[in-house]
Amino acid sequence: MENKIIQGFSLLNKEQKLKIVSSFTSKPEKAKEIYKSFWIKDSKESKIFDEFSENTISLYGLPYGIAPNFMINNKSYLLPMVTEESSVVAAAAKSAKFWSKYGGFKAKVISSVKTGHVHFLWSGNYEVLQENFPELKARLYNRTKDITANMQKRGGGILDIELVNLNNDLQNYYQIKASFETVDSMGANFINSCLEEFADELKEFANEKQFNEPSIIMSILSNYTPDCIVECSIECKVDDFKDLDIGMNPNEFVKKFEAAVKIANVSTYRATTHNKGIFNGIDAVALATGNDFRALEAGGHAFASRDGKYKSLTKINIENGNFKYSLNIPIAVGTIGGLTALHPLAKLSLDLLGSPKAKELMMIIACAGLSNNFSAVKSLVTKGIQLGHMKMHLINILNSFEANEKQKIEAVEYFKTRKVSVNNVREFLNRVC
């Protein structure tokens, strides 16, 4: 198809958009049929989902699974997890069941402060701005009092406002840095609204004082949240691992596990995959509860690099026959507003979790991350990641070959004691067909 600009695409209705998009595929009618097969028949529900995003022509389905037996701070949970990878849910569930016998997960919120900035360039004398900042700061609080009123009633609001001089890093670059407590909301809209008011007040203040006019570059919250931290841990006797399917002596297992964590602290290559295992669990629960997994990923990976080198987010301590594995990670989430109030399954997920406040959800999500990471490292240092991983993908491979139900049943039984691979599954199907 020849290249051409599509004018006014966003103004078209859903059917019109679908017709255009399908025409770009190799089989337009088939494409249209597939796209439409994921539409929600209920017009009210369909409209809600369509309006989550822009230019929506269909919905993209992901499995909504449950990892049971999570014991967190002596409270039992069924964790909703949205992910396309079956091994994530299975790993979380298996780990949770094991640790429930040894006190489960212990978790606490260290802090819940979020940060935003007005980024601006200013060619004036910094000392003059610094001297006048106390007055400007008072005006910034006053300027946003209507915005912060409801948040303050819930126990949140603006915690502090600072002037930051970064002129040595970038000529004429300064920040107004503000810290916020947003209680049970993620707070992005609240924070950004305050910051934009700050920017307008800064310009007005400079004009009244006859300072050089500041050039406002942007006003935006930061997804780096090093003051919004959760700590969670699991602990048992080293000998307790004899009850875990590891195929080796508990002491040998613990030594290899410890070495694997230490490797993730010195090798960036390994640390990246190690931490990805944490986010397998974090992202899945964040998605299920209508939270922004992309923000959590960005903040978590930045936190892993806070000392100038990308490292493991987990720590291990083995002492006097005790095994303790812990995770410290920034988790900024909400339980009110946004998708948590609009998406039917997000609302149901929070209901399933007992309608937690934001701090409780922070702890739940962190524990999901630690659970998945423990399972991943355990597999790596024992049987290898592929044995369990590929068995979980066996059904996907069978579906790709369009195996019937009888073939699937026979394949599951056959591969209980054999290595799963695409070639091995193909050969098996060729034999039984």
Foldseek 3Di string as FASTA:
>chain_A
DDDDDDPPLQVDDLVVNLQVVLVPDPHSVVSSVVQVVQADPPPVLNVLVCVLDTSDNHDDDWDWDWQFQAQEPNDGAIFIFTDNALVLSVLLNVLNNLLSVVRGKYKAWPFAKWKWKFKWFFDFDVVVCVVCVVVLQVVLCVLCCVLCVVQVVVPKGWDDWDKADPCVVPNRIIITMTMIHRWFALCFVSQQVSQVSSLVSQQVVCVVVVGTGMGTPGIGIALQCPRGKMKMKGKDFLCSCVPPPFPDHSVVLLVQLQVLQVCQAVDVVSVVVLQVLLLSQLVGSCVQQQHDSVSQVVNFQVVCCVVPGRGHQKDWDADPRMTMIMGMGHDRHHCDDDVNVRPPRNVVSCVSRVVDGNRVVSGVSSSSSVSRSVSQSSQCSGVRDQQVSLLSCVVVLCVVVVHDPVLSVVVNVVCPPPGDDSVVSVVSVVVVD
